[in-house]
Amino acid sequence: MKTWKTYFYGLGIIPLIFSISLLAFYFHAGLILGQLPRYNQPDPKELEIYFYYEPIINFTGNIWVFSLIFWLLLTVVYTIFKRKQIIWKPIIISALGHVCTILLFLSGVMEWFAD
């Protein structure tokens, strides 16, 4: 189980890195503007800090998509192999990171960044 836990926790950290970097950019832009940004007010590409945050956000966002797919496959394989002795804690904890990132995608933060 130790190897499985390592995989699940590793795949659970990736979406958190993406979420934290995106939220850091959003709130940093809010500090500069004096209010939280909204869709097209201002365009994130017009901010000077965009070029510092953009590579990190795009890189971790791309990795997150692959980690979500790999996490789903790993969960299916784990539940098949360990049918009688499934330990749910690592699966649920790693799923929370993915769920938080999916909810972030549905928020105005991602809409503003993708503008």
C-alpha atoms as a PDB file:
ATOM      1  CA  MET A   1       0.000   0.000   0.000  1.00  0.00           C
ATOM      2  CA  LYS A   2       2.928   2.344   0.584  1.00  0.00           C
ATOM      3  CA  THR A   3       3.607   2.653  -3.143  1.00  0.00           C
ATOM      4  CA  TRP A   4      -0.065   3.232  -3.899  1.00  0.00           C
ATOM      5  CA  LYS A   5      -0.245   5.945  -1.230  1.00  0.00           C
ATOM      6  CA  THR A   6       2.755   7.690  -2.728  1.00  0.00           C
ATOM      7  CA  TYR A   7       1.150   7.703  -6.168  1.00  0.00           C
ATOM      8  CA  PHE A   8      -2.191   8.964  -4.877  1.00  0.00           C
ATOM      9  CA  TYR A   9      -0.689  11.710  -2.721  1.00  0.00           C
ATOM     10  CA  GLY A  10       1.682  12.736  -5.518  1.00  0.00           C
ATOM     11  CA  LEU A  11      -1.194  13.023  -7.951  1.00  0.00           C
ATOM     12  CA  GLY A  12      -3.182  14.922  -5.325  1.00  0.00           C
ATOM     13  CA  ILE A  13      -0.516  17.615  -4.943  1.00  0.00           C
ATOM     14  CA  ILE A  14      -0.367  18.546  -8.639  1.00  0.00           C
ATOM     15  CA  PRO A  15      -3.820  20.185  -8.802  1.00  0.00           C
ATOM     16  CA  LEU A  16      -3.092  22.101  -5.602  1.00  0.00           C
ATOM     17  CA  ILE A  17       0.038  23.626  -7.140  1.00  0.00           C
ATOM     18  CA  PHE A  18      -2.036  24.769 -10.121  1.00  0.00           C
ATOM     19  CA  SER A  19      -4.820  26.154  -7.929  1.00  0.00           C
ATOM     20  CA  ILE A  20      -2.442  27.998  -5.616  1.00  0.00           C
ATOM     21  CA  SER A  21      -0.528  29.595  -8.493  1.00  0.00           C
ATOM     22  CA  LEU A  22      -3.739  30.702 -10.233  1.00  0.00           C
ATOM     23  CA  LEU A  23      -5.241  32.097  -7.025  1.00  0.00           C
ATOM     24  CA  ALA A  24      -1.959  33.834  -6.151  1.00  0.00           C
ATOM     25  CA  PHE A  25      -2.025  35.578  -9.533  1.00  0.00           C
ATOM     26  CA  TYR A  26      -5.693  36.506  -9.102  1.00  0.00           C
ATOM     27  CA  PHE A  27      -5.239  38.006  -5.645  1.00  0.00           C
ATOM     28  CA  HIS A  28      -1.943  39.669  -6.595  1.00  0.00           C
ATOM     29  CA  ALA A  29      -3.769  41.341  -9.484  1.00  0.00           C
ATOM     30  CA  GLY A  30      -6.473  42.345  -7.004  1.00  0.00           C
ATOM     31  CA  LEU A  31      -3.889  43.999  -4.756  1.00  0.00           C
ATOM     32  CA  ILE A  32      -2.462  45.943  -7.677  1.00  0.00           C
ATOM     33  CA  LEU A  33      -5.874  47.027  -8.971  1.00  0.00           C
ATOM     34  CA  GLY A  34      -7.434  47.752  -5.584  1.00  0.00           C
ATOM     35  CA  GLN A  35     -10.322  45.392  -6.365  1.00  0.00           C
ATOM     36  CA  LEU A  36     -10.629  41.815  -7.524  1.00  0.00           C
ATOM     37  CA  PRO A  37     -10.524  41.525 -11.301  1.00  0.00           C
ATOM     38  CA  ARG A  38     -13.553  40.456 -13.283  1.00  0.00           C
ATOM     39  CA  TYR A  39     -13.997  39.162 -16.802  1.00  0.00           C
ATOM     40  CA  ASN A  40     -12.205  41.526 -19.205  1.00  0.00           C
ATOM     41  CA  GLN A  41     -11.675  44.150 -16.477  1.00  0.00           C
ATOM     42  CA  PRO A  42      -8.706  44.257 -16.927  1.00  0.00           C
ATOM     43  CA  ASP A  43      -7.455  41.747 -19.416  1.00  0.00           C
ATOM     44  CA  PRO A  44      -4.873  39.674 -17.489  1.00  0.00           C
ATOM     45  CA  LYS A  45      -2.410  40.001 -20.357  1.00  0.00           C
ATOM     46  CA  GLU A  46      -2.297  43.767 -19.778  1.00  0.00           C
ATOM     47  CA  LEU A  47      -0.876  43.352 -16.277  1.00  0.00           C
ATOM     48  CA  GLU A  48       2.900  43.434 -15.869  1.00  0.00           C
ATOM     49  CA  ILE A  49       2.852  40.460 -13.502  1.00  0.00           C
ATOM     50  CA  TYR A  50       1.150  38.271 -16.122  1.00  0.00           C
ATOM     51  CA  PHE A  51       4.454  37.264 -17.679  1.00  0.00           C
ATOM     52  CA  TYR A  52       5.736  35.976 -14.328  1.00  0.00           C
ATOM     53  CA  TYR A  53       2.682  33.904 -13.483  1.00  0.00           C
ATOM     54  CA  GLU A  54       1.564  32.726 -16.929  1.00  0.00           C
ATOM     55  CA  PRO A  55       4.269  30.078 -17.561  1.00  0.00           C
ATOM     56  CA  ILE A  56       3.740  28.517 -14.137  1.00  0.00           C
ATOM     57  CA  ILE A  57      -0.049  28.499 -14.446  1.00  0.00           C
ATOM     58  CA  ASN A  58      -0.047  27.080 -17.974  1.00  0.00           C
ATOM     59  CA  PHE A  59       2.576  24.436 -17.180  1.00  0.00           C
ATOM     60  CA  THR A  60       0.882  23.213 -14.011  1.00  0.00           C
ATOM     61  CA  GLY A  61      -2.524  23.385 -15.712  1.00  0.00           C
ATOM     62  CA  ASN A  62      -1.325  21.131 -18.507  1.00  0.00           C
ATOM     63  CA  ILE A  63       0.247  18.707 -16.063  1.00  0.00           C
ATOM     64  CA  TRP A  64      -2.958  18.698 -14.007  1.00  0.00           C
ATOM     65  CA  VAL A  65      -5.029  17.494 -16.976  1.00  0.00           C
ATOM     66  CA  PHE A  66      -2.723  14.512 -17.430  1.00  0.00           C
ATOM     67  CA  SER A  67      -2.582  13.846 -13.692  1.00  0.00           C
ATOM     68  CA  LEU A  68      -6.386  13.789 -13.517  1.00  0.00           C
ATOM     69  CA  ILE A  69      -6.543  11.164 -16.264  1.00  0.00           C
ATOM     70  CA  PHE A  70      -3.753   9.161 -14.648  1.00  0.00           C
ATOM     71  CA  TRP A  71      -5.438   9.486 -11.223  1.00  0.00           C
ATOM     72  CA  LEU A  72      -8.713   8.122 -12.609  1.00  0.00           C
ATOM     73  CA  LEU A  73      -6.920   5.165 -14.218  1.00  0.00           C
ATOM     74  CA  LEU A  74      -4.887   4.529 -11.084  1.00  0.00           C
ATOM     75  CA  THR A  75      -8.025   4.561  -8.942  1.00  0.00           C
ATOM     76  CA  VAL A  76      -9.731   2.020 -11.186  1.00  0.00           C
ATOM     77  CA  VAL A  77      -6.669  -0.255 -11.232  1.00  0.00           C
ATOM     78  CA  TYR A  78      -6.239   0.045  -7.465  1.00  0.00           C
ATOM     79  CA  THR A  79      -9.866  -0.829  -6.738  1.00  0.00           C
ATOM     80  CA  ILE A  80      -9.638  -3.852  -9.040  1.00  0.00           C
ATOM     81  CA  PHE A  81      -6.401  -5.183  -7.539  1.00  0.00           C
ATOM     82  CA  LYS A  82      -7.213  -4.430  -3.898  1.00  0.00           C
ATOM     83  CA  ARG A  83     -10.932  -5.255  -3.917  1.00  0.00           C
ATOM     84  CA  LYS A  84     -11.073  -6.754  -0.462  1.00  0.00           C
ATOM     85  CA  GLN A  85      -8.714  -4.394   1.317  1.00  0.00           C
ATOM     86  CA  ILE A  86      -9.261  -0.948  -0.180  1.00  0.00           C
ATOM     87  CA  ILE A  87      -7.938   1.905   1.933  1.00  0.00           C
ATOM     88  CA  TRP A  88     -10.004   4.938   0.972  1.00  0.00           C
ATOM     89  CA  LYS A  89      -8.105   7.672   2.807  1.00  0.00           C
ATOM     90  CA  PRO A  90      -5.418   8.355   0.134  1.00  0.00           C
ATOM     91  CA  ILE A  91      -8.004   8.174  -2.644  1.00  0.00           C
ATOM     92  CA  ILE A  92     -10.334  10.662  -0.968  1.00  0.00           C
ATOM     93  CA  ILE A  93      -7.560  13.066   0.025  1.00  0.00           C
ATOM     94  CA  SER A  94      -6.115  13.093  -3.487  1.00  0.00           C
ATOM     95  CA  ALA A  95      -9.609  13.473  -4.959  1.00  0.00           C
ATOM     96  CA  LEU A  96     -10.146  16.643  -2.926  1.00  0.00           C
ATOM     97  CA  GLY A  97      -7.347  18.393  -4.818  1.00  0.00           C
ATOM     98  CA  HIS A  98      -8.875  17.477  -8.150  1.00  0.00           C
ATOM     99  CA  VAL A  99     -12.371  18.494  -7.050  1.00  0.00           C
ATOM    100  CA  CYS A 100     -11.103  21.877  -5.814  1.00  0.00           C
ATOM    101  CA  THR A 101      -9.393  22.486  -9.139  1.00  0.00           C
ATOM    102  CA  ILE A 102     -12.505  21.529 -11.099  1.00  0.00           C
ATOM    103  CA  LEU A 103     -14.532  23.944  -8.962  1.00  0.00           C
ATOM    104  CA  LEU A 104     -11.913  26.621  -9.643  1.00  0.00           C
ATOM    105  CA  PHE A 105     -12.401  26.029 -13.368  1.00  0.00           C
ATOM    106  CA  LEU A 106     -16.105  26.745 -12.936  1.00  0.00           C
ATOM    107  CA  SER A 107     -15.465  30.013 -11.090  1.00  0.00           C
ATOM    108  CA  GLY A 108     -14.890  33.515 -12.374  1.00  0.00           C
ATOM    109  CA  VAL A 109     -11.168  33.236 -11.661  1.00  0.00           C
ATOM    110  CA  MET A 110     -10.541  30.866 -14.546  1.00  0.00           C
ATOM    111  CA  GLU A 111     -12.910  32.814 -16.771  1.00  0.00           C
ATOM    112  CA  TRP A 112     -10.884  35.957 -16.088  1.00  0.00           C
ATOM    113  CA  PHE A 113      -7.527  34.239 -16.627  1.00  0.00           C
ATOM    114  CA  ALA A 114      -8.587  32.566 -19.879  1.00  0.00           C
ATOM    115  CA  ASP A 115      -9.844  35.896 -21.231  1.00  0.00           C
END
